[in-house]
Amino acid sequence: MAIDGQTMAKPGLAVPRVGLGHDVSLPSRLVRGACPSLATPMQTGDGLLVRLRPSTAGLTVAQFRQLASAAARHGNGLIEVTARGNLQLRGLAWETVPCLEADIAAAGIVPVTGLTIETPPLSGLDPDEIADARRMAARLGEVVACLPAQLTLAPKLSIIVDGGGQLVLDHVTADIRLTAIPSVDARPLWQVAVGGTRAAALPVLLGSDEQALSAVLDLLKSLDALGPRARGRDLAKSFRGEKERLANTSLEIQSSKACVGIHPLGPTSVALGLQLAFGQIHAVELTAFLDIAKAKGITEIRTAPDHALLLLGASTDVMAEILAQAVDFGFWTDANTPASAIATCAGAGGCASGTYRTKHLAAKAVGWVPELLDGSVVLHLSGCPKGCAHPAASALAVVGMPSGFGIGVNEKASGVPAVSVDEYGLQIALERLARMVAATKAAGESVGDCLTRLGSDATVAALRQE
């Protein structure tokens, strides 16, 4: 497959993913789209960044421990789980990357090197799933690998195969999405949709396994024809109207269940979800935690969207003990922690484009306005207009500027800010907004519903104290 003018050594799954995802033109240094990997590390503010997704559903505790050791030995020891559930290692140098790659191989970890087909983190284990998404994802991978012609696709092209269950991916954006739908004959159908989250995506087909696979291949060929930067949203424009009739059935959109907490998998089996604080942990803390996990009988650890890890292999009582201890190692163990409503990028020090320390400011914001952070809105702290941590629009986007911050309301980080402030002014503005919400929020109403009811103009007025 050719990627941005380069032909991969082996056709098929070697398709990285890319796209701007912005409303305005940005300087080249501020364009999202780099897709770092072991083969192509990305230069950042704290050295090189490597991203990887294991080809297996999970890793053993020993493998995770070896990964943490390699991160400390060859980088700065910071390990991240991204919003999509990928692993990232930071602070590497060009001369240490080959050593890291060798250590990862020695641990028996085989990263995905091609088109990433994402499935729910509990696929194959979840008793509530409609279909085992891994089986369909494997079939799709085989079919794509056998395509006779090379395709030029965007490096960050994303495909989700969602079989349903407790931890669905409805809230995760995808260029192409396959969602399992129950049918009367007990064999699930697949809804194929393009562009965005499950709620925003345009359905183009509802059919059998074979029909869905054929539709995805047609969509990939259409993307190839549109050019190397084409994304699912571009397909949505061409399919709207012409093929919307193929899948216009009203289908239920599931609420995204928080990954944090204990999830039942059977009479005696459970999974424990833990969230990394602002998406990262140091190898020292992770290694110490892994020693406890091993002693408690954990056999497998899976990464999950929203910066989470899922632990498998122990009983409910033992998982509860691990949950109680995890907070000592920096994990978030409460799905309702206010800080989890804040999306942060690497910020200054971690990214050359970052103008302020996003995670440091996030900790301050939790102290300033915890009442705004009820989980119904996203407070996006972006070090620059790229908006890497939250490419979509958010209720509040605090964007680093050459001098101070811009606050966007229902905007992407690349949008036009409604208010410009310094740090003290930011605190005052957010506190004013919190007071307005407290004074006008109805009983049982979420912050998000309240702000939607009041409208963007009222939100901007509160931030400006008009």
Protein backbone atom coordinates (compact mmCIF):
# COMPACT_ATOMS: atom_id res chain seq x y z
CA MET A 1 0.00 0.00 0.00
CA ALA A 2 1.23 3.46 -0.75
CA ILE A 3 1.13 5.96 2.09
CA ASP A 4 1.50 9.63 1.26
CA GLY A 5 3.49 8.75 -1.80
CA GLN A 6 5.54 5.98 -0.19
CA THR A 7 4.95 2.32 -1.01
CA MET A 8 5.06 -0.06 1.93
CA ALA A 9 7.28 -3.14 1.62
CA LYS A 10 4.31 -5.45 2.05
CA PRO A 11 0.81 -4.58 0.85
CA GLY A 12 -2.17 -5.08 3.09
CA LEU A 13 -2.27 -3.93 6.67
CA ALA A 14 0.59 -1.44 6.60
CA VAL A 15 -1.61 1.63 6.60
CA PRO A 16 -0.78 4.34 9.15
CA ARG A 17 -3.38 7.06 9.70
CA VAL A 18 -3.46 10.89 9.32
CA GLY A 19 -5.68 13.97 9.03
CA LEU A 20 -5.89 17.64 9.94
CA GLY A 21 -9.16 17.65 11.82
CA HIS A 22 -9.24 21.46 11.96
CA ASP A 23 -11.49 24.27 10.84
CA VAL A 24 -8.72 26.73 10.02
CA SER A 25 -5.39 26.61 8.22
CA LEU A 26 -2.47 26.16 10.61
CA PRO A 27 1.28 26.61 10.17
CA SER A 28 2.94 23.35 9.16
CA ARG A 29 4.45 22.89 12.62
CA LEU A 30 0.94 23.08 14.08
CA VAL A 31 -0.70 20.50 11.83
CA ARG A 32 -1.80 17.26 13.45
CA GLY A 33 -1.09 14.13 11.49
CA ALA A 34 2.17 12.59 12.63
CA CYS A 35 1.67 8.93 13.52
CA PRO A 36 4.69 7.89 15.61
CA SER A 37 5.72 4.25 15.81
CA LEU A 38 8.83 2.21 16.53
CA ALA A 39 9.74 2.56 12.86
CA THR A 40 8.97 6.29 12.73
CA PRO A 41 9.45 7.99 16.13
CA MET A 42 8.22 11.56 16.44
CA GLN A 43 10.33 14.42 17.78
CA THR A 44 8.60 16.14 20.69
CA GLY A 45 9.55 18.58 23.43
CA ASP A 46 11.03 15.87 25.66
CA GLY A 47 12.76 13.78 23.02
CA LEU A 48 11.35 11.15 20.71
CA LEU A 49 7.89 9.66 21.12
CA VAL A 50 6.98 6.10 20.15
CA ARG A 51 3.40 4.82 19.97
CA LEU A 52 2.50 1.16 19.80
CA ARG A 53 -0.52 -1.11 19.99
CA PRO A 54 0.21 -4.77 20.77
CA SER A 55 -1.16 -7.21 18.21
CA THR A 56 -2.53 -9.35 21.06
CA ALA A 57 -5.60 -8.34 23.06
CA GLY A 58 -3.48 -7.88 26.17
CA LEU A 59 -0.07 -8.36 27.75
CA THR A 60 1.04 -10.47 30.68
CA VAL A 61 2.20 -8.75 33.85
CA ALA A 62 5.75 -9.82 33.00
CA GLN A 63 5.51 -8.24 29.54
CA PHE A 64 4.19 -4.99 30.98
CA ARG A 65 7.02 -5.00 33.51
CA GLN A 66 9.58 -5.48 30.73
CA LEU A 67 7.98 -2.63 28.80
CA ALA A 68 8.22 -0.34 31.84
CA SER A 69 11.85 -1.30 32.35
CA ALA A 70 12.63 -0.55 28.70
CA ALA A 71 10.86 2.82 28.93
CA ALA A 72 13.03 3.81 31.90
CA ARG A 73 16.24 2.44 30.38
CA HIS A 74 15.88 3.99 26.93
CA GLY A 75 13.61 7.00 27.55
CA ASN A 76 12.53 9.26 30.38
CA GLY A 77 10.33 6.57 31.93
CA LEU A 78 7.00 8.19 31.11
CA ILE A 79 4.43 5.70 29.82
CA GLU A 80 1.10 6.85 28.43
CA VAL A 81 -2.16 5.24 27.44
CA THR A 82 -3.85 7.44 24.86
CA ALA A 83 -7.52 8.34 24.52
CA ARG A 84 -7.81 5.50 21.97
CA GLY A 85 -6.01 2.98 24.18
CA ASN A 86 -2.60 3.02 22.50
CA LEU A 87 0.66 2.84 24.46
CA GLN A 88 3.18 5.68 24.19
CA LEU A 89 6.76 5.86 25.46
CA ARG A 90 8.42 9.27 25.82
CA GLY A 91 11.87 10.84 26.11
CA LEU A 92 13.69 8.55 23.69
CA ALA A 93 16.74 9.41 21.58
CA TRP A 94 17.59 8.26 18.08
CA GLU A 95 20.35 6.02 19.41
CA THR A 96 18.09 4.39 22.03
CA VAL A 97 15.15 3.53 19.77
CA PRO A 98 16.81 0.39 18.28
CA CYS A 99 17.56 -0.82 21.82
CA LEU A 100 13.95 -0.21 22.81
CA GLU A 101 12.75 -2.11 19.77
CA ALA A 102 15.00 -5.04 20.67
CA ASP A 103 13.73 -5.10 24.27
CA ILE A 104 10.12 -5.03 23.11
CA ALA A 105 10.78 -7.94 20.76
CA ALA A 106 12.57 -9.85 23.53
CA ALA A 107 9.49 -9.41 25.71
CA GLY A 108 7.41 -11.13 23.04
CA ILE A 109 5.44 -7.96 22.32
CA VAL A 110 4.54 -7.67 18.64
CA PRO A 111 3.20 -4.20 17.76
CA VAL A 112 0.58 -3.73 15.07
CA THR A 113 2.43 -2.38 12.04
CA GLY A 114 -0.47 -1.87 9.70
CA LEU A 115 -4.02 -0.71 9.54
CA THR A 116 -5.26 -0.57 13.12
CA ILE A 117 -8.67 -2.17 13.45
CA GLU A 118 -9.91 -1.29 16.92
CA THR A 119 -12.25 -3.45 18.99
CA PRO A 120 -13.75 -2.99 22.48
CA PRO A 121 -11.20 -3.87 25.18
CA LEU A 122 -13.30 -6.73 26.60
CA SER A 123 -14.02 -8.34 23.22
CA GLY A 124 -14.19 -12.11 23.50
CA LEU A 125 -14.71 -11.98 27.28
CA ASP A 126 -17.81 -9.83 27.70
CA PRO A 127 -20.99 -11.88 28.29
CA ASP A 128 -23.07 -8.90 27.16
CA GLU A 129 -21.48 -8.54 23.72
CA ILE A 130 -23.65 -9.15 20.67
CA ALA A 131 -20.76 -10.55 18.64
CA ASP A 132 -17.07 -11.23 19.17
CA ALA A 133 -15.61 -8.22 17.38
CA ARG A 134 -12.16 -9.82 17.24
CA ARG A 135 -13.39 -12.47 14.80
CA MET A 136 -14.85 -9.88 12.45
CA ALA A 137 -11.78 -7.67 12.79
CA ALA A 138 -9.53 -10.62 11.90
CA ARG A 139 -11.61 -11.42 8.83
CA LEU A 140 -11.49 -7.78 7.76
CA GLY A 141 -7.73 -7.69 8.19
CA GLU A 142 -7.33 -10.80 6.05
CA VAL A 143 -9.56 -9.41 3.31
CA VAL A 144 -7.74 -6.07 3.24
CA ALA A 145 -4.36 -7.82 3.16
CA CYS A 146 -5.43 -9.73 0.04
CA LEU A 147 -6.38 -6.65 -1.97
CA PRO A 148 -4.60 -6.94 -5.32
CA ALA A 149 -4.10 -3.23 -5.80
CA GLN A 150 -2.17 -0.77 -3.66
CA LEU A 151 -4.27 1.81 -1.87
CA THR A 152 -3.10 5.24 -0.78
CA LEU A 153 -4.86 5.99 2.49
CA ALA A 154 -4.53 8.60 5.21
CA PRO A 155 -1.96 7.58 7.85
CA LYS A 156 -4.40 7.99 10.75
CA LEU A 157 -7.27 6.17 9.07
CA SER A 158 -9.31 4.49 11.80
CA ILE A 159 -11.62 1.49 11.61
CA ILE A 160 -13.68 0.33 14.58
CA VAL A 161 -15.37 -3.06 14.83
CA ASP A 162 -17.71 -2.95 17.83
CA GLY A 163 -19.47 -6.10 18.97
CA GLY A 164 -21.29 -4.35 21.82
CA GLY A 165 -21.13 -5.16 25.51
CA GLN A 166 -20.19 -3.24 28.62
CA LEU A 167 -17.40 -1.08 27.19
CA VAL A 168 -18.55 -0.05 23.73
CA LEU A 169 -16.67 2.38 21.50
CA ASP A 170 -19.65 4.57 20.55
CA HIS A 171 -17.84 7.68 21.85
CA VAL A 172 -14.60 7.00 19.95
CA THR A 173 -14.34 8.57 16.50
CA ALA A 174 -13.73 6.40 13.44
CA ASP A 175 -13.50 6.87 9.70
CA ILE A 176 -15.28 3.55 9.16
CA ARG A 177 -17.34 1.87 11.87
CA LEU A 178 -18.89 -1.61 12.02
CA THR A 179 -21.40 -2.11 14.83
CA ALA A 180 -23.04 -5.44 15.67
CA ILE A 181 -26.85 -5.34 15.67
CA PRO A 182 -29.05 -8.17 17.06
CA SER A 183 -31.22 -9.95 14.51
CA VAL A 184 -34.21 -12.30 14.72
CA ASP A 185 -32.25 -15.38 13.61
CA ALA A 186 -29.63 -14.98 16.38
CA ARG A 187 -26.93 -14.19 13.84
CA PRO A 188 -26.01 -10.51 14.27
CA LEU A 189 -26.05 -8.01 11.45
CA TRP A 190 -23.45 -5.30 11.02
CA GLN A 191 -24.16 -1.63 10.59
CA VAL A 192 -21.47 0.06 8.51
CA ALA A 193 -21.16 3.82 9.01
CA VAL A 194 -18.64 6.53 8.13
CA GLY A 195 -17.29 9.60 9.89
CA GLY A 196 -17.22 10.50 13.58
CA THR A 197 -18.66 8.92 16.70
CA ARG A 198 -21.48 6.38 16.58
CA ALA A 199 -24.05 9.13 17.08
CA ALA A 200 -22.55 11.39 14.39
CA ALA A 201 -21.60 8.75 11.80
CA LEU A 202 -23.60 8.31 8.60
CA PRO A 203 -24.91 4.73 8.17
CA VAL A 204 -24.36 3.30 4.69
CA LEU A 205 -25.23 -0.39 5.12
CA LEU A 206 -26.98 -2.83 7.43
CA GLY A 207 -26.20 -6.40 6.43
CA SER A 208 -24.48 -9.74 6.97
CA ASP A 209 -20.80 -10.36 7.65
CA GLU A 210 -20.07 -10.75 3.96
CA GLN A 211 -22.04 -7.67 2.96
CA ALA A 212 -20.30 -5.60 5.63
CA LEU A 213 -16.84 -6.77 4.57
CA SER A 214 -17.62 -5.96 0.95
CA ALA A 215 -18.90 -2.52 1.93
CA VAL A 216 -15.72 -1.72 3.88
CA LEU A 217 -13.56 -2.67 0.91
CA ASP A 218 -15.64 -0.39 -1.31
CA LEU A 219 -15.23 2.42 1.21
CA LEU A 220 -11.46 1.96 1.33
CA LYS A 221 -11.32 2.09 -2.46
CA SER A 222 -13.43 5.26 -2.39
CA LEU A 223 -11.01 6.83 0.10
CA ASP A 224 -8.12 5.90 -2.16
CA ALA A 225 -9.87 7.59 -5.09
CA LEU A 226 -10.44 10.76 -3.04
CA GLY A 227 -6.75 11.14 -2.26
CA PRO A 228 -4.17 10.43 0.47
CA ARG A 229 -5.70 12.78 3.05
CA ALA A 230 -9.33 11.69 2.62
CA ARG A 231 -11.17 10.72 5.80
CA GLY A 232 -14.52 9.26 6.75
CA ARG A 233 -16.15 12.68 6.87
CA ASP A 234 -15.36 13.05 3.16
CA LEU A 235 -17.10 9.75 2.47
CA ALA A 236 -20.10 10.93 4.47
CA LYS A 237 -20.54 13.83 2.07
CA SER A 238 -20.52 11.57 -0.99
CA PHE A 239 -22.77 8.88 0.52
CA ARG A 240 -25.37 11.19 2.05
CA GLY A 241 -28.62 10.97 0.13
CA GLU A 242 -27.43 8.45 -2.44
CA LYS A 243 -27.02 5.53 -0.03
CA GLU A 244 -28.53 6.78 3.20
CA ARG A 245 -31.64 4.74 2.36
CA LEU A 246 -29.61 1.54 2.75
CA ALA A 247 -29.36 1.92 6.52
CA ASN A 248 -31.88 4.46 7.69
CA THR A 249 -33.20 2.21 10.45
CA SER A 250 -33.25 3.95 13.81
CA LEU A 251 -30.80 2.09 16.07
CA GLU A 252 -30.12 2.57 19.75
CA ILE A 253 -26.94 4.44 20.67
CA GLN A 254 -25.50 3.03 23.89
CA SER A 255 -24.25 5.29 26.64
CA SER A 256 -20.52 4.88 27.09
CA LYS A 257 -19.88 3.13 30.40
CA ALA A 258 -16.83 4.29 32.34
CA CYS A 259 -13.92 1.89 32.16
CA VAL A 260 -12.93 2.56 35.78
CA GLY A 261 -14.29 0.01 38.24
CA ILE A 262 -15.11 -3.70 38.38
CA HIS A 263 -16.88 -5.29 35.38
CA PRO A 264 -18.49 -8.75 35.68
CA LEU A 265 -17.47 -11.26 33.01
CA GLY A 266 -19.16 -14.36 34.37
CA PRO A 267 -20.10 -16.15 37.58
CA THR A 268 -16.58 -15.92 39.00
CA SER A 269 -14.71 -13.70 36.54
CA VAL A 270 -14.33 -9.92 36.53
CA ALA A 271 -12.20 -7.19 34.98
CA LEU A 272 -10.84 -4.20 36.88
CA GLY A 273 -10.51 -0.87 35.09
CA LEU A 274 -8.04 1.78 36.26
CA GLN A 275 -7.40 5.17 34.66
CA LEU A 276 -3.95 6.73 34.37
CA ALA A 277 -3.93 10.22 35.87
CA PHE A 278 -4.00 12.60 32.89
CA GLY A 279 -3.05 9.64 30.72
CA GLN A 280 0.44 8.89 32.02
CA ILE A 281 2.44 7.09 34.70
CA HIS A 282 6.16 6.78 35.40
CA ALA A 283 7.86 3.43 35.00
CA VAL A 284 8.89 3.40 38.68
CA GLU A 285 5.29 3.67 39.90
CA LEU A 286 4.02 1.28 37.25
CA THR A 287 6.62 -1.36 38.11
CA ALA A 288 5.79 -1.18 41.80
CA PHE A 289 2.11 -1.54 41.00
CA LEU A 290 2.76 -4.46 38.67
CA ASP A 291 4.57 -6.29 41.46
CA ILE A 292 1.40 -6.05 43.55
CA ALA A 293 -0.75 -7.12 40.59
CA LYS A 294 1.41 -10.19 40.03
CA ALA A 295 1.28 -11.12 43.71
CA LYS A 296 -2.52 -10.80 43.60
CA GLY A 297 -2.81 -13.22 40.69
CA ILE A 298 -3.39 -10.86 37.74
CA THR A 299 -2.71 -12.77 34.51
CA GLU A 300 -3.41 -10.23 31.77
CA ILE A 301 -3.55 -6.46 31.34
CA ARG A 302 -5.32 -4.78 28.43
CA THR A 303 -5.15 -1.15 27.41
CA ALA A 304 -8.46 0.63 26.89
CA PRO A 305 -9.76 3.95 25.57
CA ASP A 306 -9.86 6.97 27.86
CA HIS A 307 -6.33 6.32 29.17
CA ALA A 308 -7.23 3.11 31.01
CA LEU A 309 -5.89 -0.32 31.86
CA LEU A 310 -8.02 -3.44 32.38
CA LEU A 311 -6.73 -6.11 34.75
CA LEU A 312 -7.85 -9.74 34.40
CA GLY A 313 -7.41 -12.97 36.31
CA ALA A 314 -8.38 -12.27 39.93
CA SER A 315 -11.61 -12.65 41.89
CA THR A 316 -13.96 -9.81 42.76
CA ASP A 317 -12.63 -9.58 46.32
CA VAL A 318 -9.02 -9.46 45.16
CA MET A 319 -9.84 -6.87 42.49
CA ALA A 320 -11.42 -4.72 45.20
CA GLU A 321 -8.17 -4.93 47.16
CA ILE A 322 -6.16 -3.89 44.09
CA LEU A 323 -8.58 -1.03 43.44
CA ALA A 324 -8.03 0.27 46.96
CA GLN A 325 -4.25 0.13 46.56
CA ALA A 326 -4.07 1.56 43.02
CA VAL A 327 -4.67 5.13 44.15
CA ASP A 328 -1.29 5.06 45.94
CA PHE A 329 0.40 4.65 42.56
CA GLY A 330 -1.36 7.59 40.92
CA PHE A 331 -4.27 5.78 39.27
CA TRP A 332 -7.76 7.26 39.23
CA THR A 333 -10.04 4.69 40.83
CA ASP A 334 -13.32 6.62 40.81
CA ALA A 335 -15.20 7.02 37.53
CA ASN A 336 -16.58 10.31 38.83
CA THR A 337 -13.29 11.98 39.72
CA PRO A 338 -13.54 15.59 38.49
CA ALA A 339 -10.10 15.46 36.89
CA SER A 340 -11.26 12.81 34.41
CA ALA A 341 -13.44 15.46 32.73
CA ILE A 342 -10.29 17.33 31.65
CA ALA A 343 -8.53 16.46 28.39
CA THR A 344 -4.85 17.41 28.39
CA CYS A 345 -2.12 17.12 25.79
CA ALA A 346 1.59 16.80 26.66
CA GLY A 347 1.89 20.58 26.97
CA ALA A 348 5.07 22.61 27.40
CA GLY A 349 8.05 20.41 28.13
CA GLY A 350 6.44 17.43 26.44
CA CYS A 351 5.67 19.07 23.10
CA ALA A 352 7.64 21.68 21.17
CA SER A 353 4.39 23.43 20.23
CA GLY A 354 3.02 23.60 23.78
CA THR A 355 2.96 27.04 25.40
CA TYR A 356 1.99 26.01 28.94
CA ARG A 357 2.07 23.01 31.28
CA THR A 358 -1.34 21.53 30.65
CA LYS A 359 -1.31 18.85 33.35
CA HIS A 360 -0.12 21.35 35.96
CA LEU A 361 -2.96 23.70 35.01
CA ALA A 362 -5.42 20.80 35.02
CA ALA A 363 -4.61 20.07 38.66
CA LYS A 364 -5.25 23.73 39.46
CA ALA A 365 -8.54 23.74 37.56
CA VAL A 366 -9.79 20.81 39.63
CA GLY A 367 -9.27 22.95 42.70
CA TRP A 368 -10.83 26.04 41.14
CA VAL A 369 -14.06 24.63 39.72
CA PRO A 370 -14.69 20.98 40.66
CA GLU A 371 -18.43 21.61 40.38
CA LEU A 372 -18.08 22.21 36.62
CA LEU A 373 -16.37 18.85 36.16
CA ASP A 374 -19.29 16.45 36.59
CA GLY A 375 -18.39 14.40 33.50
CA SER A 376 -21.10 15.87 31.28
CA VAL A 377 -18.73 18.36 29.62
CA VAL A 378 -15.10 18.27 28.54
CA LEU A 379 -12.68 20.95 29.65
CA HIS A 380 -9.98 20.76 26.99
CA LEU A 381 -6.57 22.13 27.97
CA SER A 382 -4.55 22.38 24.78
CA GLY A 383 -1.00 23.70 24.68
CA CYS A 384 -1.50 24.96 21.12
CA PRO A 385 -4.22 25.11 18.43
CA LYS A 386 -3.52 21.56 17.21
CA GLY A 387 -5.89 20.14 19.82
CA CYS A 388 -4.24 16.70 19.90
CA ALA A 389 -5.86 15.59 23.16
CA HIS A 390 -9.41 16.28 21.98
CA PRO A 391 -9.72 16.91 18.21
CA ALA A 392 -13.49 17.41 18.39
CA ALA A 393 -15.22 20.51 19.72
CA SER A 394 -15.55 20.76 23.50
CA ALA A 395 -17.73 22.82 25.82
CA LEU A 396 -14.66 24.74 26.96
CA ALA A 397 -11.28 24.75 25.21
CA VAL A 398 -8.40 26.57 26.91
CA VAL A 399 -5.75 27.04 24.23
CA GLY A 400 -2.21 28.25 24.72
CA MET A 401 -1.42 31.51 22.94
CA PRO A 402 1.85 33.46 22.59
CA SER A 403 0.66 35.49 25.58
CA GLY A 404 -1.80 33.81 27.92
CA PHE A 405 -4.79 31.68 26.99
CA GLY A 406 -7.72 31.73 24.61
CA ILE A 407 -11.01 30.22 25.81
CA GLY A 408 -13.22 28.69 23.15
CA VAL A 409 -16.85 27.84 23.80
CA ASN A 410 -18.24 24.80 21.95
CA GLU A 411 -15.17 25.02 19.74
CA LYS A 412 -12.22 22.97 18.64
CA ALA A 413 -8.82 24.13 19.85
CA SER A 414 -8.24 25.53 16.37
CA GLY A 415 -11.37 27.68 16.53
CA VAL A 416 -11.61 31.38 17.29
CA PRO A 417 -11.39 31.99 21.06
CA ALA A 418 -14.22 33.91 22.68
CA VAL A 419 -12.07 35.22 25.53
CA SER A 420 -8.35 35.95 25.96
CA VAL A 421 -6.91 35.91 29.49
CA ASP A 422 -3.80 35.35 31.60
CA GLU A 423 -3.70 32.55 34.21
CA TYR A 424 -5.29 34.65 36.94
CA GLY A 425 -7.93 35.82 34.48
CA LEU A 426 -8.57 32.19 33.51
CA GLN A 427 -9.25 31.25 37.11
CA ILE A 428 -11.60 34.20 37.56
CA ALA A 429 -13.43 33.44 34.29
CA LEU A 430 -13.97 29.77 35.14
CA GLU A 431 -15.12 30.61 38.66
CA ARG A 432 -17.64 33.12 37.25
CA LEU A 433 -18.97 30.45 34.92
CA ALA A 434 -19.23 27.98 37.81
CA ARG A 435 -21.25 30.50 39.83
CA MET A 436 -23.62 31.08 36.90
CA VAL A 437 -24.16 27.34 36.49
CA ALA A 438 -24.76 26.89 40.22
CA ALA A 439 -27.31 29.70 40.21
CA THR A 440 -29.26 28.48 37.18
CA LYS A 441 -28.90 24.68 37.14
CA ALA A 442 -32.16 22.85 37.76
CA ALA A 443 -32.41 19.98 40.22
CA GLY A 444 -30.95 16.85 38.64
CA GLU A 445 -29.65 18.78 35.63
CA SER A 446 -26.07 18.16 34.54
CA VAL A 447 -23.59 20.93 33.84
CA GLY A 448 -23.65 19.99 30.16
CA ASP A 449 -27.43 20.15 29.93
CA CYS A 450 -27.43 23.46 31.79
CA LEU A 451 -24.88 25.06 29.46
CA THR A 452 -26.76 23.73 26.43
CA ARG A 453 -30.00 25.20 27.72
CA LEU A 454 -28.39 28.58 28.45
CA GLY A 455 -26.56 28.68 25.12
CA SER A 456 -23.09 29.73 24.00
CA ASP A 457 -23.81 33.45 24.29
CA ALA A 458 -24.63 33.16 27.99
CA THR A 459 -21.51 31.06 28.57
CA VAL A 460 -19.31 33.63 26.82
CA ALA A 461 -20.96 36.46 28.75
CA ALA A 462 -20.21 34.72 32.04
CA LEU A 463 -16.59 34.17 31.07
CA ARG A 464 -16.29 37.84 30.11
CA GLN A 465 -18.34 39.03 33.11
CA GLU A 466 -20.72 40.93 30.85
